[in-house]
Amino acid sequence: MTMESAPAPGAGQATAVQAHTVHPPRRSGGGAQVRPGGRRAVRCGRITPLLCVDALALVAAVALAVPVAWPWPLVALQAVAQLLLFAHRGLYRRRLSPSVLSELPALLGLALLQWYVAMEVLDAWAPQQAIGWTVLACGAGTQTALGCAGRAAVHRARRRAAVRRPLSTLVVGQGAQARQVTAALYDHPAYGLRPVGLVVAPGAGDEDRAAGAVPLPVLVSPQEVGRAVVQNSVRHAVFTAPPEATPDGPALLSLLSRHGCRVWLVTGPGATASAPADARPDHLWGFTVRPLSDGTDRPVGHAAKRAVDAVLAAFGLLLAAPVMAACALAVRLADGPGVVFRQERVGRHGRTFVLLKFRTLRPADAQESATRWNVSSDERMSRVGRALRRTSLDELPQLWNVLRGDMSMVGPRPERPFFVAQFSRVHPGYQARHRMPVGITGLAQVNGLRGDTSIEERARFDNHYIETWSLWQDACVLARTAGSLFRLGGS
């Protein structure tokens, strides 16, 4: 679809100079800084204590309540089921105000479900070890009691650690509520959030530039926010109004999520939060808060997607090796040296990478390669090049990009930096499509949006894919892509 090229030269972007300098806090406790444009790695240590106490509660309940020792495969299966059920219920999510009493109904209900399933399995497969309703009640009750005790100890230890090592936090908003939230964070360090900056709209009044009795550095533009996030190792941000009602709100949410920040929304009486439907409300000293996400904060899902990509790419490279060898030989005989070309493309979070394809046309120079949009009708293209494009066989080397982690099997198609900058200025939502890894194929492509088609419609399909992403949707896109190969619709 696009012109083959050498990497296009990048352009630096100057950042605004801020009147108030933000310095790293003395007690940030933020950990390692996050590289700009990159999401920090998921820290498993945050949930490890809860996993341990839940597992110990299960093992202890089995040992105390069951008269006959269970086979270890059944205990292991029940532990895995417990992990999945608790994770689905949100019992391992980060909360500002964790409470064992609020978790008790979920812990008891899921324990009863686990033990009931175990009772039915034993009754069907090992009647000699079957348990009755009395053992079920004792086991579920013991597991719940021990689990609550362990979780209470973990929550208490975390509150103490939060006081000693608070995490740097930005408050986004203005008016009385922003000042009250900032004061609450300072007055109650057990939440573990230490304000280091106030993000306000350009032209905000003086009362919005001083959060009550706690003056904070004021940040106005997304560029200033990005610099403050890096300088202070910011880990949390609190919006006092929905992002869509905040100047530059969607851009700020995307920027903060890109840097790995946990984002919260303070909701007022009767307000509707633009939060995930399954997000459980939390509170911050009486303020109702909900977690916010840009649609891509699904570490487990993305880990599964990456694993599937690696397996499919490795299998595809092995399966397609003879075809790729034939394509390389045909290109070499028809067009001379330089079988594979390398071109700079923009991937997830704006990071660039080198995309690989079979060469189908040799551009006149680097300028033409970097800025010419479509070459499908170029008379310089040989019959071999046209055949590769028409069958999409020129895309096969991108399986190596997938194996390396530059791309995914399914995602928004990557574009060159020149056109990314151009389309981002013209089409709202185009930049947001870089929230997910780019892909060999995508929802827009299987709906016919490739070649000289609407960029606005492509961005719409790409963002819809990101917001509704699932592994099943990826499988559907791959199936539709395989079907389209028989229609010879390359570009």
Protein backbone atom coordinates (compact mmCIF):
# COMPACT_ATOMS: atom_id res chain seq x y z
CA MET A 1 0.00 0.00 0.00
CA THR A 2 2.76 2.44 0.89
CA MET A 3 6.08 3.37 -0.61
CA GLU A 4 9.18 1.33 0.16
CA SER A 5 11.87 3.39 1.75
CA ALA A 6 14.80 3.87 4.01
CA PRO A 7 13.96 5.30 7.44
CA ALA A 8 12.54 8.81 7.27
CA PRO A 9 14.30 11.46 9.32
CA GLY A 10 12.58 12.21 12.61
CA ALA A 11 11.76 15.65 13.86
CA GLY A 12 12.31 16.80 17.42
CA GLN A 13 9.61 18.60 19.32
CA ALA A 14 10.41 21.39 21.70
CA THR A 15 8.74 21.36 25.07
CA ALA A 16 7.28 24.37 26.77
CA VAL A 17 9.20 26.05 29.55
CA GLN A 18 7.32 25.95 32.79
CA ALA A 19 7.15 28.79 35.23
CA HIS A 20 7.16 26.48 38.24
CA THR A 21 9.81 23.81 38.25
CA VAL A 22 8.73 20.41 39.49
CA HIS A 23 11.43 18.60 41.44
CA PRO A 24 11.44 14.93 42.45
CA PRO A 25 9.88 14.53 45.90
CA ARG A 26 12.07 13.44 48.76
CA ARG A 27 9.73 10.59 49.63
CA SER A 28 8.28 9.62 46.29
CA GLY A 29 8.68 5.90 46.65
CA GLY A 30 7.85 5.74 43.01
CA GLY A 31 10.41 3.16 42.07
CA ALA A 32 12.11 3.05 38.71
CA GLN A 33 11.22 5.77 36.29
CA VAL A 34 9.20 4.97 33.20
CA ARG A 35 10.74 5.70 29.84
CA PRO A 36 8.69 8.33 27.96
CA GLY A 37 6.29 6.63 25.61
CA GLY A 38 6.55 3.30 27.38
CA ARG A 39 4.28 1.55 29.83
CA ARG A 40 6.04 0.22 32.90
CA ALA A 41 6.10 -3.50 33.43
CA VAL A 42 3.35 -5.07 35.51
CA ARG A 43 4.52 -5.46 39.10
CA CYS A 44 3.44 -8.90 40.28
CA GLY A 45 4.74 -8.08 43.76
CA ARG A 46 1.63 -5.98 44.40
CA ILE A 47 -0.68 -9.02 44.40
CA THR A 48 1.76 -11.66 45.63
CA PRO A 49 0.90 -11.23 49.36
CA LEU A 50 -2.82 -11.59 48.64
CA LEU A 51 -2.21 -14.64 46.46
CA CYS A 52 -0.18 -16.22 49.25
CA VAL A 53 -2.72 -15.63 52.02
CA ASP A 54 -5.59 -16.88 49.82
CA ALA A 55 -3.65 -20.03 48.89
CA LEU A 56 -2.68 -20.68 52.52
CA ALA A 57 -6.28 -20.18 53.63
CA LEU A 58 -7.44 -22.78 51.10
CA VAL A 59 -4.77 -25.34 52.07
CA ALA A 60 -5.41 -24.83 55.78
CA ALA A 61 -9.18 -25.18 55.31
CA VAL A 62 -8.72 -28.46 53.41
CA ALA A 63 -6.39 -29.78 56.12
CA LEU A 64 -8.69 -28.77 59.01
CA ALA A 65 -12.17 -29.46 57.62
CA VAL A 66 -11.76 -32.53 55.39
CA PRO A 67 -11.60 -35.84 57.28
CA VAL A 68 -9.91 -37.72 54.41
CA ALA A 69 -6.89 -36.19 52.69
CA TRP A 70 -7.70 -34.99 49.19
CA PRO A 71 -5.46 -35.93 46.24
CA TRP A 72 -3.05 -33.11 45.47
CA PRO A 73 -4.31 -32.64 41.84
CA LEU A 74 -7.73 -31.70 43.22
CA VAL A 75 -6.22 -29.19 45.67
CA ALA A 76 -4.09 -27.70 42.87
CA LEU A 77 -7.14 -27.47 40.59
CA GLN A 78 -9.12 -25.75 43.32
CA ALA A 79 -6.26 -23.28 43.89
CA VAL A 80 -6.20 -22.39 40.18
CA ALA A 81 -9.99 -22.02 40.15
CA GLN A 82 -9.73 -19.76 43.21
CA LEU A 83 -7.17 -17.54 41.50
CA LEU A 84 -9.34 -17.16 38.40
CA LEU A 85 -12.52 -16.53 40.34
CA PHE A 86 -10.93 -14.00 42.69
CA ALA A 87 -9.25 -12.18 39.80
CA HIS A 88 -12.52 -12.06 37.85
CA ARG A 89 -14.31 -10.67 40.90
CA GLY A 90 -11.68 -7.93 41.20
CA LEU A 91 -10.26 -9.06 44.54
CA TYR A 92 -6.69 -8.44 43.36
CA ARG A 93 -7.24 -4.96 41.94
CA ARG A 94 -5.51 -1.96 43.46
CA ARG A 95 -7.88 -0.06 45.75
CA LEU A 96 -7.38 3.20 47.61
CA SER A 97 -9.39 2.04 50.63
CA PRO A 98 -9.21 -1.76 50.87
CA SER A 99 -11.52 -3.23 53.47
CA VAL A 100 -11.92 -6.85 54.54
CA LEU A 101 -15.56 -6.20 55.50
CA SER A 102 -16.35 -5.06 51.95
CA GLU A 103 -14.55 -8.11 50.57
CA LEU A 104 -16.23 -10.58 52.93
CA PRO A 105 -19.39 -11.27 50.83
CA ALA A 106 -17.33 -12.01 47.73
CA LEU A 107 -14.85 -14.19 49.64
CA LEU A 108 -17.63 -16.23 51.27
CA GLY A 109 -19.67 -16.60 48.08
CA LEU A 110 -16.70 -17.73 45.99
CA ALA A 111 -15.52 -20.13 48.74
CA LEU A 112 -18.96 -21.76 48.83
CA LEU A 113 -18.90 -22.08 45.04
CA GLN A 114 -15.44 -23.68 45.10
CA TRP A 115 -16.36 -26.21 47.75
CA TYR A 116 -19.66 -27.07 46.10
CA VAL A 117 -17.91 -27.81 42.80
CA ALA A 118 -15.30 -29.88 44.64
CA MET A 119 -18.08 -31.82 46.38
CA GLU A 120 -19.76 -32.63 43.05
CA VAL A 121 -16.46 -33.65 41.44
CA LEU A 122 -15.59 -35.98 44.30
CA ASP A 123 -19.07 -37.48 44.33
CA ALA A 124 -18.76 -38.31 40.62
CA TRP A 125 -15.13 -39.43 40.36
CA ALA A 126 -14.07 -40.55 43.85
CA PRO A 127 -17.14 -41.50 45.93
CA GLN A 128 -14.95 -42.89 48.70
CA GLN A 129 -13.61 -39.36 49.34
CA ALA A 130 -16.93 -37.55 48.92
CA ILE A 131 -17.84 -34.84 51.41
CA GLY A 132 -21.20 -33.78 52.76
CA TRP A 133 -22.88 -30.43 53.33
CA THR A 134 -21.46 -30.16 56.83
CA VAL A 135 -17.88 -30.48 55.61
CA LEU A 136 -18.67 -28.03 52.81
CA ALA A 137 -19.93 -25.42 55.27
CA CYS A 138 -17.00 -25.92 57.64
CA GLY A 139 -14.46 -25.80 54.82
CA ALA A 140 -15.90 -22.68 53.19
CA GLY A 141 -16.27 -20.95 56.56
CA THR A 142 -12.72 -21.81 57.64
CA GLN A 143 -11.30 -20.66 54.31
CA THR A 144 -13.21 -17.38 54.49
CA ALA A 145 -12.17 -16.68 58.09
CA LEU A 146 -8.50 -17.41 57.46
CA GLY A 147 -8.57 -15.48 54.18
CA CYS A 148 -10.08 -12.44 55.87
CA ALA A 149 -7.50 -12.55 58.64
CA GLY A 150 -4.64 -12.78 56.16
CA ARG A 151 -6.02 -10.02 53.95
CA ALA A 152 -6.53 -7.76 56.96
CA ALA A 153 -2.86 -8.17 57.84
CA VAL A 154 -1.81 -7.42 54.25
CA HIS A 155 -4.00 -4.30 54.07
CA ARG A 156 -2.64 -3.02 57.38
CA ALA A 157 0.96 -3.57 56.28
CA ARG A 158 0.28 -1.75 53.02
CA ARG A 159 -1.22 1.25 54.80
CA ARG A 160 1.88 1.53 56.96
CA ALA A 161 4.12 1.21 53.90
CA ALA A 162 2.05 3.86 52.10
CA VAL A 163 2.69 6.34 54.91
CA ARG A 164 6.44 5.68 54.78
CA ARG A 165 6.74 5.69 50.97
CA PRO A 166 3.92 7.63 49.29
CA LEU A 167 3.68 7.61 45.50
CA SER A 168 3.90 10.83 43.51
CA THR A 169 0.46 11.94 42.30
CA LEU A 170 -0.98 14.61 40.01
CA VAL A 171 -4.35 16.24 40.65
CA VAL A 172 -6.15 17.13 37.41
CA GLY A 173 -8.89 19.74 37.76
CA GLN A 174 -9.76 23.09 39.22
CA GLY A 175 -12.21 24.68 41.60
CA ALA A 176 -13.17 23.79 45.15
CA GLN A 177 -13.24 20.03 44.59
CA ALA A 178 -9.65 19.94 43.30
CA ARG A 179 -8.49 21.89 46.35
CA GLN A 180 -10.42 19.60 48.70
CA VAL A 181 -9.03 16.45 47.10
CA THR A 182 -5.48 17.81 47.31
CA ALA A 183 -5.94 18.70 50.98
CA ALA A 184 -7.38 15.24 51.71
CA LEU A 185 -4.35 13.56 50.17
CA TYR A 186 -1.99 15.67 52.28
CA ASP A 187 -3.96 15.24 55.49
CA HIS A 188 -4.38 11.46 55.14
CA PRO A 189 -1.10 9.91 54.00
CA ALA A 190 -2.44 6.36 54.53
CA TYR A 191 -3.78 6.53 50.96
CA GLY A 192 -0.18 6.56 49.80
CA LEU A 193 -0.69 9.39 47.28
CA ARG A 194 1.52 12.49 47.61
CA PRO A 195 0.46 15.41 45.35
CA VAL A 196 3.36 16.87 43.38
CA GLY A 197 1.49 18.94 40.79
CA LEU A 198 -1.86 20.49 39.89
CA VAL A 199 -3.04 20.29 36.27
CA VAL A 200 -5.38 23.15 35.36
CA ALA A 201 -6.83 24.62 32.19
CA PRO A 202 -5.00 27.52 30.51
CA GLY A 203 -6.17 30.83 31.96
CA ALA A 204 -7.38 29.36 35.26
CA GLY A 205 -7.85 31.82 38.08
CA ASP A 206 -5.47 32.34 40.97
CA GLU A 207 -7.72 30.35 43.30
CA ASP A 208 -7.22 27.33 41.03
CA ARG A 209 -3.46 27.81 40.99
CA ALA A 210 -3.16 27.26 44.74
CA ALA A 211 -4.76 24.08 46.04
CA GLY A 212 -6.03 25.50 49.31
CA ALA A 213 -3.29 25.84 51.88
CA VAL A 214 -1.04 23.46 49.93
CA PRO A 215 0.55 25.34 47.00
CA LEU A 216 1.57 23.03 44.17
CA PRO A 217 3.44 23.54 40.90
CA VAL A 218 0.88 24.31 38.21
CA LEU A 219 0.90 22.37 34.94
CA VAL A 220 -1.09 23.64 31.98
CA SER A 221 -0.11 21.79 28.80
CA PRO A 222 0.27 18.04 28.12
CA GLN A 223 3.97 18.71 27.44
CA GLU A 224 4.45 20.06 30.97
CA VAL A 225 2.52 17.11 32.39
CA GLY A 226 4.70 14.64 30.49
CA ARG A 227 7.87 16.26 31.80
CA ALA A 228 6.54 16.31 35.37
CA VAL A 229 5.58 12.62 35.16
CA VAL A 230 9.16 11.70 34.21
CA GLN A 231 10.87 14.05 36.69
CA ASN A 232 8.74 12.96 39.65
CA SER A 233 8.21 9.29 38.79
CA VAL A 234 4.47 9.95 38.97
CA ARG A 235 2.46 6.77 39.55
CA HIS A 236 -1.07 8.08 40.12
CA ALA A 237 -3.32 10.83 38.78
CA VAL A 238 -6.67 11.96 40.19
CA PHE A 239 -9.19 13.62 37.84
CA THR A 240 -11.77 15.74 39.62
CA ALA A 241 -13.93 15.87 36.47
CA PRO A 242 -14.43 13.38 33.60
CA PRO A 243 -11.68 13.62 30.97
CA GLU A 244 -14.20 14.53 28.27
CA ALA A 245 -15.23 17.55 30.37
CA THR A 246 -11.61 18.57 31.04
CA PRO A 247 -9.50 20.66 28.63
CA ASP A 248 -7.07 18.27 26.91
CA GLY A 249 -8.60 15.54 29.11
CA PRO A 250 -8.50 12.65 26.59
CA ALA A 251 -4.92 13.55 25.63
CA LEU A 252 -3.91 13.70 29.31
CA LEU A 253 -5.55 10.33 30.02
CA SER A 254 -3.73 8.73 27.10
CA LEU A 255 -0.41 10.32 28.13
CA LEU A 256 -0.72 9.20 31.75
CA SER A 257 -1.73 5.66 30.77
CA ARG A 258 1.19 5.53 28.35
CA HIS A 259 3.55 6.27 31.23
CA GLY A 260 2.02 3.52 33.36
CA CYS A 261 0.14 5.80 35.77
CA ARG A 262 -2.89 4.58 37.65
CA VAL A 263 -5.70 7.06 36.93
CA TRP A 264 -8.69 7.75 39.19
CA LEU A 265 -11.86 9.79 38.68
CA VAL A 266 -13.59 11.60 41.54
CA THR A 267 -17.35 11.53 40.94
CA GLY A 268 -19.78 13.94 42.51
CA PRO A 269 -23.39 13.30 43.57
CA GLY A 270 -25.36 12.01 40.60
CA ALA A 271 -22.37 12.15 38.28
CA THR A 272 -21.78 9.47 35.68
CA ALA A 273 -18.22 8.22 35.63
CA SER A 274 -16.57 7.34 32.36
CA ALA A 275 -15.09 4.26 33.98
CA PRO A 276 -15.17 0.57 33.10
CA ALA A 277 -18.57 -0.99 33.64
CA ASP A 278 -17.15 -3.58 36.05
CA ALA A 279 -15.10 -1.07 38.05
CA ARG A 280 -16.07 -1.16 41.73
CA PRO A 281 -16.42 2.28 43.33
CA ASP A 282 -13.82 3.23 45.90
CA HIS A 283 -13.52 6.21 48.19
CA LEU A 284 -10.91 8.81 49.05
CA TRP A 285 -11.81 10.40 52.41
CA GLY A 286 -15.49 10.50 51.49
CA PHE A 287 -15.02 11.25 47.79
CA THR A 288 -16.33 8.49 45.54
CA VAL A 289 -13.60 7.47 43.10
CA ARG A 290 -13.41 5.00 40.24
CA PRO A 291 -10.44 3.73 38.24
CA LEU A 292 -10.10 5.16 34.73
CA SER A 293 -8.52 3.44 31.77
CA ASP A 294 -7.81 4.35 28.14
CA GLY A 295 -9.07 0.90 27.10
CA THR A 296 -5.68 -0.82 26.97
CA ASP A 297 -4.88 -1.44 30.65
CA ARG A 298 -5.38 -5.21 30.48
CA PRO A 299 -2.00 -6.72 31.34
CA VAL A 300 -3.19 -10.34 31.49
CA GLY A 301 -5.05 -10.05 28.19
CA HIS A 302 -2.10 -8.41 26.46
CA ALA A 303 0.27 -11.04 27.82
CA ALA A 304 -2.00 -13.71 26.34
CA LYS A 305 -2.14 -11.81 23.05
CA ARG A 306 1.65 -11.59 22.95
CA ALA A 307 2.01 -15.31 23.65
CA VAL A 308 -0.45 -16.18 20.87
CA ASP A 309 1.39 -13.82 18.49
CA ALA A 310 4.75 -15.44 19.23
CA VAL A 311 3.39 -18.96 18.68
CA LEU A 312 1.56 -18.06 15.46
CA ALA A 313 4.53 -16.10 14.08
CA ALA A 314 7.00 -18.91 14.80
CA PHE A 315 4.67 -21.51 13.29
CA GLY A 316 3.97 -19.23 10.31
CA LEU A 317 7.66 -18.67 9.61
CA LEU A 318 8.30 -22.42 9.60
CA LEU A 319 5.26 -23.17 7.45
CA ALA A 320 5.91 -20.34 4.98
CA ALA A 321 9.67 -20.85 4.68
CA PRO A 322 9.46 -22.57 1.23
CA VAL A 323 7.08 -19.89 -0.07
CA MET A 324 9.31 -17.10 1.25
CA ALA A 325 12.35 -18.69 -0.36
CA ALA A 326 10.51 -18.82 -3.70
CA CYS A 327 9.42 -15.19 -3.36
CA ALA A 328 12.96 -14.09 -2.52
CA LEU A 329 14.35 -15.92 -5.56
CA ALA A 330 11.69 -14.39 -7.84
CA VAL A 331 12.44 -10.86 -6.59
CA ARG A 332 16.18 -11.41 -7.00
CA LEU A 333 15.82 -12.60 -10.60
CA ALA A 334 13.28 -9.95 -11.60
CA ASP A 335 14.52 -6.84 -9.79
CA GLY A 336 18.14 -7.52 -8.85
CA PRO A 337 19.82 -7.27 -5.44
CA GLY A 338 17.95 -6.08 -2.38
CA VAL A 339 15.30 -8.74 -1.86
CA VAL A 340 14.05 -7.38 1.49
CA PHE A 341 13.55 -3.70 2.16
CA ARG A 342 13.43 -2.01 5.54
CA GLN A 343 11.16 0.91 6.30
CA GLU A 344 10.60 2.96 9.45
CA ARG A 345 7.06 2.73 10.78
CA VAL A 346 5.31 4.00 13.91
CA GLY A 347 4.22 1.39 16.44
CA ARG A 348 2.57 1.35 19.83
CA HIS A 349 2.78 4.58 21.84
CA GLY A 350 4.53 6.32 18.93
CA ARG A 351 7.69 4.20 19.08
CA THR A 352 9.29 3.60 15.71
CA PHE A 353 10.55 0.27 14.42
CA VAL A 354 11.91 -1.15 11.17
CA LEU A 355 9.27 -3.01 9.16
CA LEU A 356 10.32 -5.79 6.76
CA LYS A 357 8.74 -6.62 3.40
CA PHE A 358 9.75 -8.19 0.12
CA ARG A 359 10.86 -5.47 -2.28
CA THR A 360 8.33 -4.83 -5.03
CA LEU A 361 9.61 -1.45 -6.27
CA ARG A 362 12.86 0.45 -5.92
CA PRO A 363 12.11 4.15 -5.16
CA ALA A 364 14.00 6.91 -6.94
CA ASP A 365 15.31 8.36 -3.65
CA ALA A 366 14.64 8.45 0.11
CA GLN A 367 12.37 11.50 -0.22
CA GLU A 368 10.04 9.71 -2.62
CA SER A 369 10.08 6.64 -0.42
CA ALA A 370 9.18 8.55 2.75
CA THR A 371 6.45 10.81 1.35
CA ARG A 372 4.78 9.11 -1.63
CA TRP A 373 1.48 7.61 -0.56
CA ASN A 374 0.61 4.83 -3.03
CA VAL A 375 2.60 3.05 -5.72
CA SER A 376 0.17 0.33 -6.78
CA SER A 377 -0.14 1.82 -10.28
CA ASP A 378 3.54 2.73 -10.74
CA GLU A 379 4.77 1.60 -14.18
CA ARG A 380 8.23 0.84 -12.76
CA MET A 381 6.84 -2.15 -10.83
CA SER A 382 7.74 -5.51 -12.37
CA ARG A 383 5.29 -8.35 -12.91
CA VAL A 384 6.79 -10.14 -9.91
CA GLY A 385 6.24 -7.08 -7.74
CA ARG A 386 2.63 -6.76 -8.86
CA ALA A 387 2.02 -10.44 -8.19
CA LEU A 388 3.47 -10.18 -4.68
CA ARG A 389 1.33 -7.16 -3.87
CA ARG A 390 -1.82 -8.67 -5.36
CA THR A 391 -1.42 -11.85 -3.28
CA SER A 392 -0.08 -10.01 -0.19
CA LEU A 393 2.93 -12.33 -0.18
CA ASP A 394 5.17 -9.28 0.15
CA GLU A 395 3.92 -9.04 3.77
CA LEU A 396 5.31 -12.44 4.86
CA PRO A 397 8.60 -11.07 6.31
CA GLN A 398 6.51 -9.15 8.84
CA LEU A 399 6.10 -12.43 10.70
CA TRP A 400 9.64 -11.75 11.92
CA ASN A 401 8.50 -8.35 13.19
CA VAL A 402 5.74 -10.13 15.13
CA LEU A 403 8.19 -12.64 16.58
CA ARG A 404 10.49 -9.77 17.66
CA GLY A 405 7.60 -7.98 19.38
CA ASP A 406 7.51 -4.97 17.04
CA MET A 407 4.04 -5.91 15.80
CA SER A 408 1.07 -8.15 16.52
CA MET A 409 -0.78 -10.48 14.17
CA VAL A 410 -3.87 -8.27 14.49
CA GLY A 411 -3.91 -4.53 15.13
CA PRO A 412 -3.96 -1.15 13.41
CA ARG A 413 -1.72 -1.13 10.36
CA PRO A 414 1.54 0.79 10.98
CA GLU A 415 2.29 3.91 8.96
CA ARG A 416 5.35 6.01 8.22
CA PRO A 417 6.21 8.92 10.56
CA PHE A 418 5.56 11.52 7.83
CA PHE A 419 1.97 10.36 7.34
CA VAL A 420 1.33 9.73 11.05
CA ALA A 421 2.15 13.37 11.78
CA GLN A 422 0.02 14.53 8.85
CA PHE A 423 -3.02 12.36 9.63
CA SER A 424 -2.88 13.13 13.36
CA ARG A 425 -3.30 16.85 12.60
CA VAL A 426 -6.19 16.33 10.19
CA HIS A 427 -8.17 13.38 11.56
CA PRO A 428 -9.34 13.35 15.22
CA GLY A 429 -8.67 9.98 16.80
CA TYR A 430 -5.86 8.94 14.48
CA GLN A 431 -3.18 9.26 17.15
CA ALA A 432 -5.32 7.24 19.58
CA ARG A 433 -5.01 4.16 17.34
CA HIS A 434 -1.43 3.78 18.60
CA ARG A 435 -2.68 2.65 22.02
CA MET A 436 -2.38 -0.96 20.88
CA PRO A 437 0.40 -2.84 19.08
CA VAL A 438 0.20 -2.43 15.33
CA GLY A 439 -0.57 -5.51 13.28
CA ILE A 440 -0.09 -7.36 10.00
CA THR A 441 -3.84 -7.24 9.51
CA GLY A 442 -6.65 -5.45 11.27
CA LEU A 443 -10.36 -4.79 11.52
CA ALA A 444 -10.14 -1.92 9.04
CA GLN A 445 -8.32 -4.05 6.47
CA VAL A 446 -10.81 -6.94 6.56
CA ASN A 447 -13.58 -4.39 5.98
CA GLY A 448 -11.90 -3.26 2.75
CA LEU A 449 -10.19 -0.13 4.11
CA ARG A 450 -6.78 -0.46 2.51
CA GLY A 451 -5.05 1.32 -0.36
CA ASP A 452 -6.63 4.65 -1.31
CA THR A 453 -9.48 4.59 1.20
CA SER A 454 -10.72 6.97 3.90
CA ILE A 455 -8.17 7.57 6.66
CA GLU A 456 -10.95 8.81 8.95
CA GLU A 457 -12.87 5.55 8.53
CA ARG A 458 -9.72 3.51 9.12
CA ALA A 459 -9.07 5.35 12.39
CA ARG A 460 -12.68 4.79 13.41
CA PHE A 461 -12.42 1.03 12.82
CA ASP A 462 -9.03 0.84 14.55
CA ASN A 463 -10.27 2.63 17.67
CA HIS A 464 -13.38 0.46 17.73
CA TYR A 465 -11.14 -2.61 17.61
CA ILE A 466 -9.06 -1.31 20.53
CA GLU A 467 -12.08 -0.50 22.68
CA THR A 468 -13.75 -3.89 22.05
CA TRP A 469 -10.61 -6.01 21.82
CA SER A 470 -10.67 -9.71 22.72
CA LEU A 471 -8.76 -12.81 21.67
CA TRP A 472 -11.90 -14.05 19.94
CA GLN A 473 -12.08 -10.87 17.88
CA ASP A 474 -8.45 -11.43 16.85
CA ALA A 475 -9.34 -14.97 15.77
CA CYS A 476 -12.25 -13.64 13.70
CA VAL A 477 -10.05 -11.03 11.99
CA LEU A 478 -7.42 -13.66 11.18
CA ALA A 479 -10.09 -15.97 9.73
CA ARG A 480 -11.48 -13.16 7.56
CA THR A 481 -7.95 -12.26 6.46
CA ALA A 482 -7.26 -15.85 5.41
CA GLY A 483 -10.47 -15.84 3.39
CA SER A 484 -9.58 -12.57 1.68
CA LEU A 485 -6.26 -14.00 0.45
CA PHE A 486 -8.18 -16.17 -2.01
CA ARG A 487 -9.77 -13.04 -3.50
CA LEU A 488 -6.36 -11.60 -4.40
CA GLY A 489 -7.08 -8.15 -3.05
CA GLY A 490 -3.64 -6.74 -2.27
CA SER A 491 -2.83 -3.07 -2.62
